[in-house]
């Protein structure tokens, strides 16, 4: 299980997005950033931006 904390992107937000794989966690993170922080979906879907988000993923212990 992979997790990505919203706080890792500089937001004062306690949300943690989870996924069975990195791609699932990235998708959940993008959905959260668009709906809660009004970020641009097209920008977040770019391969380099997805890779940047994926770098923040950690293994759930």
PDB file of N, CA and C in Angstrom:
ATOM      1  N   UNK A   1       0.855  -1.183   0.000  1.00  0.00           N
ATOM      2  CA  UNK A   1       0.000   0.000   0.000  1.00  0.00           C
ATOM      3  C   UNK A   1       0.894   1.238   0.000  1.00  0.00           C
ATOM      4  N   UNK A   2       0.633   2.140  -0.925  1.00  0.00           N
ATOM      5  CA  UNK A   2       1.381   3.396  -1.025  1.00  0.00           C
ATOM      6  C   UNK A   2       0.521   4.541  -0.504  1.00  0.00           C
ATOM      7  N   UNK A   3       1.146   5.506   0.145  1.00  0.00           N
ATOM      8  CA  UNK A   3       0.436   6.675   0.673  1.00  0.00           C
ATOM      9  C   UNK A   3       1.165   7.950   0.259  1.00  0.00           C
ATOM     10  N   UNK A   4       0.367   9.000   0.039  1.00  0.00           N
ATOM     11  CA  UNK A   4       0.913  10.318  -0.272  1.00  0.00           C
ATOM     12  C   UNK A   4       0.188  11.318   0.613  1.00  0.00           C
ATOM     13  N   UNK A   5       0.950  12.068   1.395  1.00  0.00           N
ATOM     14  CA  UNK A   5       0.371  13.061   2.304  1.00  0.00           C
ATOM     15  C   UNK A   5       0.277  14.414   1.600  1.00  0.00           C
ATOM     16  N   UNK A   6      -0.856  15.034   1.698  1.00  0.00           N
ATOM     17  CA  UNK A   6      -1.064  16.349   1.092  1.00  0.00           C
ATOM     18  C   UNK A   6      -0.092  17.366   1.697  1.00  0.00           C
ATOM     19  N   UNK A   7       0.194  17.203   2.957  1.00  0.00           N
ATOM     20  CA  UNK A   7       1.099  18.107   3.673  1.00  0.00           C
ATOM     21  C   UNK A   7       2.487  18.165   3.006  1.00  0.00           C
ATOM     22  N   UNK A   8       2.879  17.068   2.319  1.00  0.00           N
ATOM     23  CA  UNK A   8       4.182  17.016   1.644  1.00  0.00           C
ATOM     24  C   UNK A   8       4.277  18.002   0.480  1.00  0.00           C
ATOM     25  N   UNK A   9       3.147  18.571   0.075  1.00  0.00           N
ATOM     26  CA  UNK A   9       3.128  19.540  -1.025  1.00  0.00           C
ATOM     27  C   UNK A   9       2.987  20.971  -0.514  1.00  0.00           C
ATOM     28  N   UNK A  10       3.119  21.143   0.801  1.00  0.00           N
ATOM     29  CA  UNK A  10       3.100  22.479   1.372  1.00  0.00           C
ATOM     30  C   UNK A  10       1.738  22.972   1.836  1.00  0.00           C
ATOM     31  N   UNK A  11       0.715  22.125   1.723  1.00  0.00           N
ATOM     32  CA  UNK A  11      -0.617  22.522   2.178  1.00  0.00           C
ATOM     33  C   UNK A  11      -0.776  22.231   3.669  1.00  0.00           C
ATOM     34  N   UNK A  12      -1.558  23.062   4.343  1.00  0.00           N
ATOM     35  CA  UNK A  12      -1.918  22.811   5.734  1.00  0.00           C
ATOM     36  C   UNK A  12      -3.157  21.920   5.686  1.00  0.00           C
ATOM     37  N   UNK A  13      -2.944  20.651   5.350  1.00  0.00           N
ATOM     38  CA  UNK A  13      -4.027  19.712   5.088  1.00  0.00           C
ATOM     39  C   UNK A  13      -3.609  18.339   5.601  1.00  0.00           C
ATOM     40  N   UNK A  14      -4.489  17.687   6.326  1.00  0.00           N
ATOM     41  CA  UNK A  14      -4.168  16.384   6.918  1.00  0.00           C
ATOM     42  C   UNK A  14      -4.543  15.201   6.042  1.00  0.00           C
ATOM     43  N   UNK A  15      -4.986  15.442   4.815  1.00  0.00           N
ATOM     44  CA  UNK A  15      -5.408  14.346   3.936  1.00  0.00           C
ATOM     45  C   UNK A  15      -4.225  13.465   3.559  1.00  0.00           C
ATOM     46  N   UNK A  16      -4.500  12.162   3.524  1.00  0.00           N
ATOM     47  CA  UNK A  16      -3.515  11.174   3.091  1.00  0.00           C
ATOM     48  C   UNK A  16      -4.207  10.293   2.058  1.00  0.00           C
ATOM     49  N   UNK A  17      -3.664  10.270   0.854  1.00  0.00           N
ATOM     50  CA  UNK A  17      -4.241   9.475  -0.220  1.00  0.00           C
ATOM     51  C   UNK A  17      -3.523   8.137  -0.301  1.00  0.00           C
ATOM     52  N   UNK A  18      -4.299   7.083  -0.519  1.00  0.00           N
ATOM     53  CA  UNK A  18      -3.744   5.729  -0.514  1.00  0.00           C
ATOM     54  C   UNK A  18      -4.058   5.021  -1.820  1.00  0.00           C
ATOM     55  N   UNK A  19      -3.227   4.049  -2.126  1.00  0.00           N
ATOM     56  CA  UNK A  19      -3.458   3.209  -3.290  1.00  0.00           C
ATOM     57  C   UNK A  19      -2.666   1.919  -3.168  1.00  0.00           C
ATOM     58  N   UNK A  20      -3.137   0.885  -3.847  1.00  0.00           N
ATOM     59  CA  UNK A  20      -2.410  -0.393  -3.820  1.00  0.00           C
ATOM     60  C   UNK A  20      -1.071  -0.265  -4.535  1.00  0.00           C
ATOM     61  N   UNK A  21      -1.028   0.656  -5.504  1.00  0.00           N
ATOM     62  CA  UNK A  21       0.184   0.897  -6.280  1.00  0.00           C
ATOM     63  C   UNK A  21       0.424   2.403  -6.318  1.00  0.00           C
ATOM     64  N   UNK A  22       1.601   2.800  -6.732  1.00  0.00           N
ATOM     65  CA  UNK A  22       1.931   4.228  -6.805  1.00  0.00           C
ATOM     66  C   UNK A  22       0.933   4.965  -7.701  1.00  0.00           C
ATOM     67  N   UNK A  23       0.595   4.381  -8.847  1.00  0.00           N
ATOM     68  CA  UNK A  23      -0.324   5.056  -9.771  1.00  0.00           C
ATOM     69  C   UNK A  23      -1.688   5.321  -9.140  1.00  0.00           C
ATOM     70  N   UNK A  24      -2.180   4.398  -8.337  1.00  0.00           N
ATOM     71  CA  UNK A  24      -3.472   4.598  -7.664  1.00  0.00           C
ATOM     72  C   UNK A  24      -3.372   5.737  -6.660  1.00  0.00           C
ATOM     73  N   UNK A  25      -2.271   5.785  -5.919  1.00  0.00           N
ATOM     74  CA  UNK A  25      -2.080   6.851  -4.936  1.00  0.00           C
ATOM     75  C   UNK A  25      -1.947   8.204  -5.640  1.00  0.00           C
ATOM     76  N   UNK A  26      -1.242   8.228  -6.766  1.00  0.00           N
ATOM     77  CA  UNK A  26      -1.098   9.467  -7.537  1.00  0.00           C
ATOM     78  C   UNK A  26      -2.455   9.928  -8.057  1.00  0.00           C
ATOM     79  N   UNK A  27      -3.255   8.992  -8.588  1.00  0.00           N
ATOM     80  CA  UNK A  27      -4.597   9.344  -9.074  1.00  0.00           C
ATOM     81  C   UNK A  27      -5.449   9.928  -7.947  1.00  0.00           C
ATOM     82  N   UNK A  28      -5.395   9.313  -6.767  1.00  0.00           N
ATOM     83  CA  UNK A  28      -6.161   9.804  -5.616  1.00  0.00           C
ATOM     84  C   UNK A  28      -5.670  11.188  -5.196  1.00  0.00           C
ATOM     85  N   UNK A  29      -4.374  11.385  -5.257  1.00  0.00           N
ATOM     86  CA  UNK A  29      -3.789  12.667  -4.888  1.00  0.00           C
ATOM     87  C   UNK A  29      -4.229  13.759  -5.865  1.00  0.00           C
ATOM     88  N   UNK A  30      -4.210  13.450  -7.152  1.00  0.00           N
ATOM     89  CA  UNK A  30      -4.641  14.417  -8.161  1.00  0.00           C
ATOM     90  C   UNK A  30      -6.106  14.774  -7.955  1.00  0.00           C
ATOM     91  N   UNK A  31      -6.938  13.775  -7.715  1.00  0.00           N
ATOM     92  CA  UNK A  31      -8.364  14.017  -7.492  1.00  0.00           C
ATOM     93  C   UNK A  31      -8.555  14.943  -6.281  1.00  0.00           C
ATOM     94  N   UNK A  32      -7.795  14.691  -5.215  1.00  0.00           N
ATOM     95  CA  UNK A  32      -7.875  15.515  -4.008  1.00  0.00           C
ATOM     96  C   UNK A  32      -7.416  16.948  -4.285  1.00  0.00           C
ATOM     97  N   UNK A  33      -6.288  17.085  -4.977  1.00  0.00           N
ATOM     98  CA  UNK A  33      -5.748  18.421  -5.247  1.00  0.00           C
ATOM     99  C   UNK A  33      -6.705  19.249  -6.102  1.00  0.00           C
ATOM    100  N   UNK A  34      -7.381  18.607  -7.045  1.00  0.00           N
ATOM    101  CA  UNK A  34      -8.329  19.321  -7.908  1.00  0.00           C
ATOM    102  C   UNK A  34      -9.570  19.718  -7.119  1.00  0.00           C
ATOM    103  N   UNK A  35     -10.142  18.769  -6.360  1.00  0.00           N
ATOM    104  CA  UNK A  35     -11.403  19.048  -5.668  1.00  0.00           C
ATOM    105  C   UNK A  35     -11.242  19.925  -4.425  1.00  0.00           C
ATOM    106  N   UNK A  36     -10.160  19.751  -3.690  1.00  0.00           N
ATOM    107  CA  UNK A  36     -10.013  20.479  -2.426  1.00  0.00           C
ATOM    108  C   UNK A  36      -9.138  21.736  -2.527  1.00  0.00           C
ATOM    109  N   UNK A  37      -8.180  21.719  -3.440  1.00  0.00           N
ATOM    110  CA  UNK A  37      -7.234  22.840  -3.519  1.00  0.00           C
ATOM    111  C   UNK A  37      -7.304  23.564  -4.866  1.00  0.00           C
ATOM    112  N   UNK A  38      -8.283  23.175  -5.684  1.00  0.00           N
ATOM    113  CA  UNK A  38      -8.590  23.858  -6.948  1.00  0.00           C
ATOM    114  C   UNK A  38      -7.391  23.956  -7.890  1.00  0.00           C
ATOM    115  N   UNK A  39      -6.570  22.908  -7.901  1.00  0.00           N
ATOM    116  CA  UNK A  39      -5.450  22.870  -8.844  1.00  0.00           C
ATOM    117  C   UNK A  39      -5.959  22.443 -10.219  1.00  0.00           C
ATOM    118  N   UNK A  40      -5.182  22.693 -11.241  1.00  0.00           N
ATOM    119  CA  UNK A  40      -5.560  22.431 -12.629  1.00  0.00           C
ATOM    120  C   UNK A  40      -5.333  20.961 -12.995  1.00  0.00           C
ATOM    121  N   UNK A  41      -6.415  20.272 -13.351  1.00  0.00           N
ATOM    122  CA  UNK A  41      -6.345  18.847 -13.680  1.00  0.00           C
ATOM    123  C   UNK A  41      -5.398  18.577 -14.842  1.00  0.00           C
ATOM    124  N   UNK A  42      -5.498  19.353 -15.905  1.00  0.00           N
ATOM    125  CA  UNK A  42      -4.638  19.125 -17.073  1.00  0.00           C
ATOM    126  C   UNK A  42      -3.168  19.252 -16.712  1.00  0.00           C
ATOM    127  N   UNK A  43      -2.852  20.212 -15.870  1.00  0.00           N
ATOM    128  CA  UNK A  43      -1.459  20.407 -15.433  1.00  0.00           C
ATOM    129  C   UNK A  43      -0.982  19.206 -14.612  1.00  0.00           C
ATOM    130  N   UNK A  44      -1.826  18.732 -13.698  1.00  0.00           N
ATOM    131  CA  UNK A  44      -1.447  17.616 -12.827  1.00  0.00           C
ATOM    132  C   UNK A  44      -1.322  16.295 -13.588  1.00  0.00           C
ATOM    133  N   UNK A  45      -1.997  16.167 -14.727  1.00  0.00           N
ATOM    134  CA  UNK A  45      -1.962  14.928 -15.498  1.00  0.00           C
ATOM    135  C   UNK A  45      -0.719  14.815 -16.383  1.00  0.00           C
ATOM    136  N   UNK A  46       0.049  15.878 -16.501  1.00  0.00           N
ATOM    137  CA  UNK A  46       1.269  15.829 -17.318  1.00  0.00           C
ATOM    138  C   UNK A  46       2.237  14.812 -16.707  1.00  0.00           C
ATOM    139  N   UNK A  47       2.918  14.038 -17.561  1.00  0.00           N
ATOM    140  CA  UNK A  47       3.828  12.986 -17.059  1.00  0.00           C
ATOM    141  C   UNK A  47       4.863  13.484 -16.053  1.00  0.00           C
ATOM    142  N   UNK A  48       5.427  14.658 -16.290  1.00  0.00           N
ATOM    143  CA  UNK A  48       6.451  15.151 -15.357  1.00  0.00           C
ATOM    144  C   UNK A  48       5.840  15.530 -14.009  1.00  0.00           C
ATOM    145  N   UNK A  49       4.596  16.007 -14.024  1.00  0.00           N
ATOM    146  CA  UNK A  49       3.919  16.367 -12.769  1.00  0.00           C
ATOM    147  C   UNK A  49       3.515  15.098 -12.010  1.00  0.00           C
ATOM    148  N   UNK A  50       3.030  14.081 -12.737  1.00  0.00           N
ATOM    149  CA  UNK A  50       2.685  12.800 -12.101  1.00  0.00           C
ATOM    150  C   UNK A  50       3.933  12.178 -11.454  1.00  0.00           C
ATOM    151  N   UNK A  51       5.074  12.288 -12.132  1.00  0.00           N
ATOM    152  CA  UNK A  51       6.331  11.744 -11.593  1.00  0.00           C
ATOM    153  C   UNK A  51       6.736  12.494 -10.325  1.00  0.00           C
ATOM    154  N   UNK A  52       6.528  13.807 -10.331  1.00  0.00           N
ATOM    155  CA  UNK A  52       6.836  14.633  -9.162  1.00  0.00           C
ATOM    156  C   UNK A  52       5.966  14.227  -7.963  1.00  0.00           C
ATOM    157  N   UNK A  53       4.702  13.972  -8.221  1.00  0.00           N
ATOM    158  CA  UNK A  53       3.783  13.536  -7.157  1.00  0.00           C
ATOM    159  C   UNK A  53       4.186  12.141  -6.669  1.00  0.00           C
ATOM    160  N   UNK A  54       4.526  11.257  -7.599  1.00  0.00           N
ATOM    161  CA  UNK A  54       4.896   9.882  -7.255  1.00  0.00           C
ATOM    162  C   UNK A  54       6.124   9.825  -6.362  1.00  0.00           C
ATOM    163  N   UNK A  55       7.027  10.792  -6.511  1.00  0.00           N
ATOM    164  CA  UNK A  55       8.242  10.842  -5.676  1.00  0.00           C
ATOM    165  C   UNK A  55       7.910  10.980  -4.197  1.00  0.00           C
ATOM    166  N   UNK A  56       6.739  11.525  -3.890  1.00  0.00           N
ATOM    167  CA  UNK A  56       6.332  11.739  -2.490  1.00  0.00           C
ATOM    168  C   UNK A  56       5.713  10.485  -1.862  1.00  0.00           C
ATOM    169  N   UNK A  57       5.454   9.470  -2.673  1.00  0.00           N
ATOM    170  CA  UNK A  57       4.787   8.250  -2.181  1.00  0.00           C
ATOM    171  C   UNK A  57       5.699   7.506  -1.211  1.00  0.00           C
ATOM    172  N   UNK A  58       5.071   7.007  -0.160  1.00  0.00           N
ATOM    173  CA  UNK A  58       5.780   6.208   0.846  1.00  0.00           C
ATOM    174  C   UNK A  58       5.045   4.888   1.027  1.00  0.00           C
ATOM    175  N   UNK A  59       5.761   3.897   1.501  1.00  0.00           N
ATOM    176  CA  UNK A  59       5.156   2.599   1.790  1.00  0.00           C
ATOM    177  C   UNK A  59       4.432   2.709   3.132  1.00  0.00           C
ATOM    178  N   UNK A  60       3.183   2.261   3.169  1.00  0.00           N
ATOM    179  CA  UNK A  60       2.420   2.263   4.413  1.00  0.00           C
ATOM    180  C   UNK A  60       2.955   1.160   5.310  1.00  0.00           C
ATOM    181  N   UNK A  61       3.287   1.517   6.534  1.00  0.00           N
ATOM    182  CA  UNK A  61       3.862   0.523   7.464  1.00  0.00           C
ATOM    183  C   UNK A  61       2.856   0.088   8.488  1.00  0.00           C
TER     184      UNK A  61
END
